[in-house]
Structure formats: structure tokens, C-alpha cells
Protein backbone atom coordinates (compact mmCIF):
# COMPACT_ATOMS: atom_id res chain seq x y z
CA UNK A 1 -59.57 -148.51 250.36
CA UNK A 2 -59.31 -147.39 246.76
CA UNK A 3 -61.01 -148.03 243.47
CA UNK A 4 -59.22 -150.26 240.99
CA UNK A 5 -60.09 -148.95 237.51
CA UNK A 6 -60.44 -151.44 234.68
CA UNK A 7 -57.47 -149.95 232.86
CA UNK A 8 -55.20 -150.36 235.90
CA UNK A 9 -56.39 -153.91 236.48
CA UNK A 10 -55.75 -154.80 232.85
CA UNK A 11 -52.27 -153.29 232.92
CA UNK A 12 -51.42 -155.41 235.96
CA UNK A 13 -52.64 -158.57 234.22
CA UNK A 14 -50.59 -157.76 231.12
CA UNK A 15 -47.48 -157.20 233.25
CA UNK A 16 -48.08 -160.54 234.94
CA UNK A 17 -48.46 -162.32 231.61
CA UNK A 18 -45.16 -160.91 230.40
CA UNK A 19 -43.44 -161.98 233.63
CA UNK A 20 -44.99 -165.45 233.39
CA UNK A 21 -43.75 -165.94 229.85
CA UNK A 22 -40.28 -164.55 230.61
CA UNK A 23 -39.59 -166.42 233.87
CA UNK A 24 -39.46 -170.23 233.57
CA UNK A 25 -38.50 -170.35 237.25
CA UNK A 26 -41.79 -168.73 238.22
CA UNK A 27 -43.76 -171.25 236.16
CA UNK A 28 -41.91 -174.14 237.82
CA UNK A 29 -42.59 -172.80 241.31
CA UNK A 30 -46.26 -172.35 240.52
CA UNK A 31 -46.46 -175.86 239.10
CA UNK A 32 -45.84 -177.14 242.63
CA UNK A 33 -48.61 -174.91 243.97
CA UNK A 34 -51.09 -176.11 241.36
CA UNK A 35 -50.12 -179.70 242.06
CA UNK A 36 -51.11 -179.23 245.68
CA UNK A 37 -54.47 -177.83 244.62
CA UNK A 38 -55.17 -180.62 242.14
CA UNK A 39 -54.39 -183.21 244.80
CA UNK A 40 -57.38 -181.95 246.84
CA UNK A 41 -59.87 -182.34 244.00
CA UNK A 42 -62.36 -185.19 243.87
CA UNK A 43 -62.64 -186.32 240.23
CA UNK A 44 -65.82 -188.25 241.05
CA UNK A 45 -67.80 -185.10 241.80
CA UNK A 46 -70.14 -183.98 239.01
CA UNK A 47 -69.99 -180.43 237.76
CA UNK A 48 -67.45 -177.93 236.48
CA UNK A 49 -64.18 -176.87 238.05
CA UNK A 50 -64.28 -173.07 238.19
CA UNK A 51 -61.42 -170.76 239.10
CA UNK A 52 -62.37 -167.30 240.33
CA UNK A 53 -60.06 -164.34 239.87
CA UNK A 54 -57.95 -166.26 237.38
CA UNK A 55 -55.90 -163.30 236.17
CA UNK A 56 -53.67 -164.75 233.44
CA UNK A 57 -55.50 -168.09 233.54
CA UNK A 58 -52.49 -170.30 234.26
CA UNK A 59 -54.55 -173.01 235.99
CA UNK A 60 -55.55 -174.23 232.52
CA UNK A 61 -51.93 -175.24 231.91
CA UNK A 62 -52.46 -177.91 234.57
CA UNK A 63 -56.19 -178.52 234.26
CA UNK A 64 -57.37 -177.76 230.70
CA UNK A 65 -61.01 -178.47 231.56
CA UNK A 66 -61.12 -175.73 234.20
CA UNK A 67 -63.28 -172.69 233.54
CA UNK A 68 -61.14 -169.64 234.29
CA UNK A 69 -62.98 -166.46 235.23
CA UNK A 70 -62.27 -162.96 236.45
CA UNK A 71 -64.13 -159.73 237.07
CA UNK A 72 -63.07 -158.41 233.67
CA UNK A 73 -63.06 -160.27 230.32
CA UNK A 74 -59.91 -161.35 228.52
CA UNK A 75 -59.44 -163.63 225.50
CA UNK A 76 -57.86 -166.44 227.55
CA UNK A 77 -60.71 -166.49 230.09
CA UNK A 78 -63.94 -168.41 229.71
CA UNK A 79 -66.16 -165.95 231.55
CA UNK A 80 -66.31 -162.64 233.39
CA UNK A 81 -68.16 -162.92 236.69
CA UNK A 82 -68.42 -161.65 240.25
CA UNK A 83 -67.59 -164.01 243.14
CA UNK A 84 -70.60 -162.66 245.04
CA UNK A 85 -73.05 -163.39 242.21
CA UNK A 86 -71.91 -166.52 240.40
CA UNK A 87 -73.62 -167.11 237.02
CA UNK A 88 -73.98 -170.86 237.58
CA UNK A 89 -77.06 -172.96 238.21
CA UNK A 90 -77.52 -174.35 241.68
CA UNK A 91 -75.55 -177.54 242.21
CA UNK A 92 -73.64 -177.28 238.92
CA UNK A 93 -70.08 -176.66 240.16
CA UNK A 94 -67.82 -179.35 241.64
CA UNK A 95 -64.92 -177.16 242.74
CA UNK A 96 -64.32 -173.46 243.19
CA UNK A 97 -60.62 -172.56 243.12
CA UNK A 98 -59.40 -169.27 244.61
CA UNK A 99 -55.69 -168.69 244.02
CA UNK A 100 -54.61 -165.48 245.76
CA UNK A 101 -58.23 -164.32 245.67
CA UNK A 102 -59.56 -164.93 249.19
CA UNK A 103 -57.66 -161.93 250.61
CA UNK A 104 -59.48 -159.72 248.11
CA UNK A 105 -62.91 -160.77 249.43
CA UNK A 106 -64.10 -157.99 251.68
CA UNK A 107 -67.07 -160.14 252.72
CA UNK A 108 -65.91 -163.79 252.60
CA UNK A 109 -69.14 -165.03 254.21
CA UNK A 110 -71.14 -163.46 251.39
CA UNK A 111 -69.01 -165.37 248.89
CA UNK A 112 -69.40 -168.65 250.79
CA UNK A 113 -73.17 -168.26 250.81
CA UNK A 114 -73.10 -167.97 247.02
CA UNK A 115 -70.57 -170.82 246.76
CA UNK A 116 -72.87 -173.12 248.73
CA UNK A 117 -75.66 -172.43 246.25
CA UNK A 118 -73.50 -173.17 243.20
CA UNK A 119 -71.71 -176.26 244.50
CA UNK A 120 -72.90 -179.78 243.93
CA UNK A 121 -73.39 -182.04 246.94
CA UNK A 122 -69.94 -182.60 248.44
CA UNK A 123 -68.46 -179.82 246.30
CA UNK A 124 -65.30 -178.10 247.43
CA UNK A 125 -63.83 -174.62 247.78
CA UNK A 126 -60.03 -174.68 247.48
CA UNK A 127 -58.22 -171.60 248.77
CA UNK A 128 -54.51 -170.92 248.14
CA UNK A 129 -53.21 -167.86 249.95
CA UNK A 130 -50.32 -166.06 251.57
CA UNK A 131 -49.53 -167.40 255.03
CA UNK A 132 -48.20 -164.81 257.44
CA UNK A 133 -45.45 -166.12 259.71
CA UNK A 134 -42.57 -164.49 261.54
CA UNK A 135 -40.39 -164.73 258.43
CA UNK A 136 -42.92 -164.11 255.65
CA UNK A 137 -44.26 -161.00 257.37
CA UNK A 138 -41.03 -159.28 256.40
CA UNK A 139 -41.92 -159.79 252.73
CA UNK A 140 -45.70 -159.44 252.84
CA UNK A 141 -45.64 -156.54 255.26
CA UNK A 142 -42.63 -154.67 253.98
CA UNK A 143 -42.10 -155.47 250.32
CA UNK A 144 -45.56 -156.26 248.97
CA UNK A 145 -47.88 -153.42 247.89
CA UNK A 146 -51.00 -155.03 249.38
CA UNK A 147 -51.63 -154.59 253.11
CA UNK A 148 -51.40 -157.49 255.54
CA UNK A 149 -54.09 -155.79 257.67
CA UNK A 150 -53.07 -157.92 260.65
CA UNK A 151 -55.26 -156.09 263.16
CA UNK A 152 -57.94 -154.67 260.91
CA UNK A 153 -61.44 -156.05 261.63
CA UNK A 154 -62.63 -158.67 259.14
CA UNK A 155 -66.20 -158.29 257.92
CA UNK A 156 -68.00 -161.60 258.48
CA UNK A 157 -71.45 -160.41 257.46
CA UNK A 158 -73.21 -161.92 254.47
CA UNK A 159 -73.95 -158.68 252.64
CA UNK A 160 -71.87 -158.31 249.48
CA UNK A 161 -69.86 -155.08 249.12
CA UNK A 162 -70.09 -152.71 246.20
CA UNK A 163 -68.60 -154.03 242.97
CA UNK A 164 -66.12 -151.18 242.53
CA UNK A 165 -64.64 -151.39 246.01
CA UNK A 166 -61.03 -152.57 246.01
CA UNK A 167 -60.04 -154.62 249.05
CA UNK A 168 -56.92 -156.51 250.08
CA UNK A 169 -55.86 -158.02 253.40
CA UNK A 170 -53.14 -160.62 252.95
CA UNK A 171 -53.42 -161.86 256.51
CA UNK A 172 -57.08 -162.87 256.41
CA UNK A 173 -56.63 -166.57 255.60
CA UNK A 174 -54.01 -166.95 258.34
CA UNK A 175 -56.20 -165.16 260.85
CA UNK A 176 -59.42 -167.03 260.06
CA UNK A 177 -58.23 -170.57 259.31
CA UNK A 178 -55.08 -170.89 261.43
CA UNK A 179 -55.21 -168.37 264.25
CA UNK A 180 -58.97 -169.00 264.60
CA UNK A 181 -59.74 -165.37 265.37
CA UNK A 182 -63.42 -166.09 264.68
CA UNK A 183 -64.07 -169.44 266.45
CA UNK A 184 -66.49 -171.66 264.56
CA UNK A 185 -66.06 -169.76 261.30
CA UNK A 186 -67.19 -170.45 258.68
CA UNK A 187 -70.49 -171.77 260.06
CA UNK A 188 -72.03 -174.53 257.98
CA UNK A 189 -68.70 -175.50 256.44
CA UNK A 190 -66.17 -178.21 257.18
CA UNK A 191 -62.48 -177.35 256.92
CA UNK A 192 -61.34 -180.73 255.58
CA UNK A 193 -57.80 -179.62 254.76
CA UNK A 194 -55.54 -176.96 256.25
CA UNK A 195 -51.80 -176.69 255.75
CA UNK A 196 -49.20 -173.95 255.82
CA UNK A 197 -45.89 -174.44 254.06
CA UNK A 198 -42.59 -172.65 253.80
CA UNK A 199 -42.10 -170.84 250.54
CA UNK A 200 -38.59 -169.51 250.18
CA UNK A 201 -38.43 -170.96 246.67
CA UNK A 202 -41.39 -168.70 245.89
CA UNK A 203 -40.40 -165.61 247.88
CA UNK A 204 -36.86 -165.59 246.46
CA UNK A 205 -38.09 -166.15 242.91
CA UNK A 206 -39.18 -162.52 242.84
CA UNK A 207 -42.76 -163.45 241.99
CA UNK A 208 -44.30 -161.53 239.11
CA UNK A 209 -42.80 -158.14 239.92
CA UNK A 210 -39.24 -158.66 241.16
CA UNK A 211 -36.01 -160.24 239.94
CA UNK A 212 -35.18 -163.83 240.82
CA UNK A 213 -32.66 -164.03 243.66
CA UNK A 214 -31.43 -167.50 242.78
CA UNK A 215 -30.70 -169.43 239.56
CA UNK A 216 -33.32 -171.85 238.27
CA UNK A 217 -31.02 -174.83 238.87
CA UNK A 218 -31.35 -174.23 242.63
CA UNK A 219 -35.14 -174.53 242.62
CA UNK A 220 -35.36 -178.21 243.56
CA UNK A 221 -32.93 -177.70 246.43
CA UNK A 222 -34.89 -174.76 247.78
CA UNK A 223 -38.12 -176.70 247.49
CA UNK A 224 -36.59 -179.53 249.50
CA UNK A 225 -35.55 -176.96 252.09
CA UNK A 226 -39.11 -175.60 252.07
CA UNK A 227 -40.51 -179.05 252.77
CA UNK A 228 -38.19 -179.42 255.75
CA UNK A 229 -38.90 -175.93 257.12
CA UNK A 230 -42.64 -176.51 256.77
CA UNK A 231 -42.43 -178.43 260.06
CA UNK A 232 -42.46 -175.02 261.74
CA UNK A 233 -45.09 -173.01 259.84
CA UNK A 234 -45.40 -170.23 262.42
CA UNK A 235 -41.73 -169.45 261.89
CA UNK A 236 -41.25 -170.20 258.19
CA UNK A 237 -44.67 -170.53 256.55
CA UNK A 238 -45.31 -168.41 253.48
CA UNK A 239 -48.19 -170.11 251.66
CA UNK A 240 -51.27 -171.98 252.79
CA UNK A 241 -53.87 -174.25 251.26
CA UNK A 242 -57.34 -174.60 252.76
CA UNK A 243 -60.09 -176.95 251.60
CA UNK A 244 -63.74 -176.30 252.51
CA UNK A 245 -66.92 -178.24 251.86
CA UNK A 246 -70.45 -177.73 253.16
CA UNK A 247 -71.13 -179.52 256.43
CA UNK A 248 -73.43 -182.51 256.25
CA UNK A 249 -76.80 -182.26 257.95
């Protein structure tokens, strides 16, 4: 556990923006990810689409009406807010999007309690995360600076942690939604969508911090390979998408 000062957080965002602008391949890979998220949205639901932990705010490239937020303000964001204390009226949000944010929630149940308050009837929480498989563990566990925390206890209490506490556990979505390490979790919510997909086109792109290991013209071929390998997520999965909505009754 460490504190993440504002200056350090801002430097990371600025590095990511430079990488995003300089790497067309990265933008193309992410376009596929955002397409998967948009496909789970219900356009008939009233209320705003809100992304939490938006970072560089790239969701707006695919959904201009989205409200992009983060803990700290930036000119391209619509709002600075805390996921544990959302500044939205009850029932005013149609979708909450968390792209690589869920594994930073030290108390995910505390967030979901607040999400339930803010969501309209039938509203959705869409979670896009690392998926830890036999192959992706090599990258997430050995080459990524954030811990996988594969055996570290997950706090499922509803008390929000301190604002300045930095937390990361890349394996949490895999453990909770796929390995079912906490049966029946999250209580009061329906998991209406759950999929894990291969992501070699992403992993070999170098992400925001590393060099691309293949030329951009190979992207479509690698994505076709990813779709085929996604038949065996425990072996080849690298990304996952989970859709939640409050249970009826």
C-alpha cells in the first residue's frame, strides 16, 4: 500500500496522453474494447452515462455524450469525483463505466452501494478489467507494475476506505466474477453479462508504457486470432467484461 500523490498521478496521465496520441495501434486496439462496452448499453434507459476513473477521457471519442470523471480534475474531464461518494442525484445515472478501475477499488461493495443509489431503475455497471489466465499472468504478474494480488484477501465490507489510500489488485475481477471466490457476490446484483477474451493484440501492442511488438498492419490478424483463442479463456484470456444491474425485487 502506498499513497499516490496528485503530482505523480498527473504525470502518469500526461504520459498516457502522449502515448495515446503517438500510437495509432493502441487507439485501434482500444476501439475494439470500447465497442464491446457500448454493445452492453441500453439506449432506452434514462439518465447520464458516467465513466469513473476516466484518466485521459478516451471514452468520449466513442460516446461523446458520456460524462468522464476522475479523482483529480483535468481540462478534458467533465467532473472530479470519488467513486465512493458520487455527486449525482438518486436515480439519475443510466450507466456507470469502469475501464481498468475496478481493480483499484479497495472496497468494491462500498462502491456498489453508492452505484445502486445513483442508478436509475434497470441501470447498469459495466466493468472492463484485466483477466488473469495461465498466459496473461506472465504479463500482469511479471511485467506490470501493479500487483495481481492473487491470494490477498479482498475486502467485501461496505465501509469506504480513506481517500488517499492507493490500492491495486489486478486479479480481483477474475477472482470475484469468474472464479467465484465469494459465492453469491455481489448480493443484490445480477451479473447479466460475463465474458473473458484473449488479448494478444493488446498485450503485444505494448499498452501505454511499452513499445509495440508488431506492426499496425497485423492488428486485424491478431484480433482474429484473439477471437479464436477466446474459446479457452482460462488458458488465453487477458481481458474481461462484466455487466451488473440491481436485482429485481
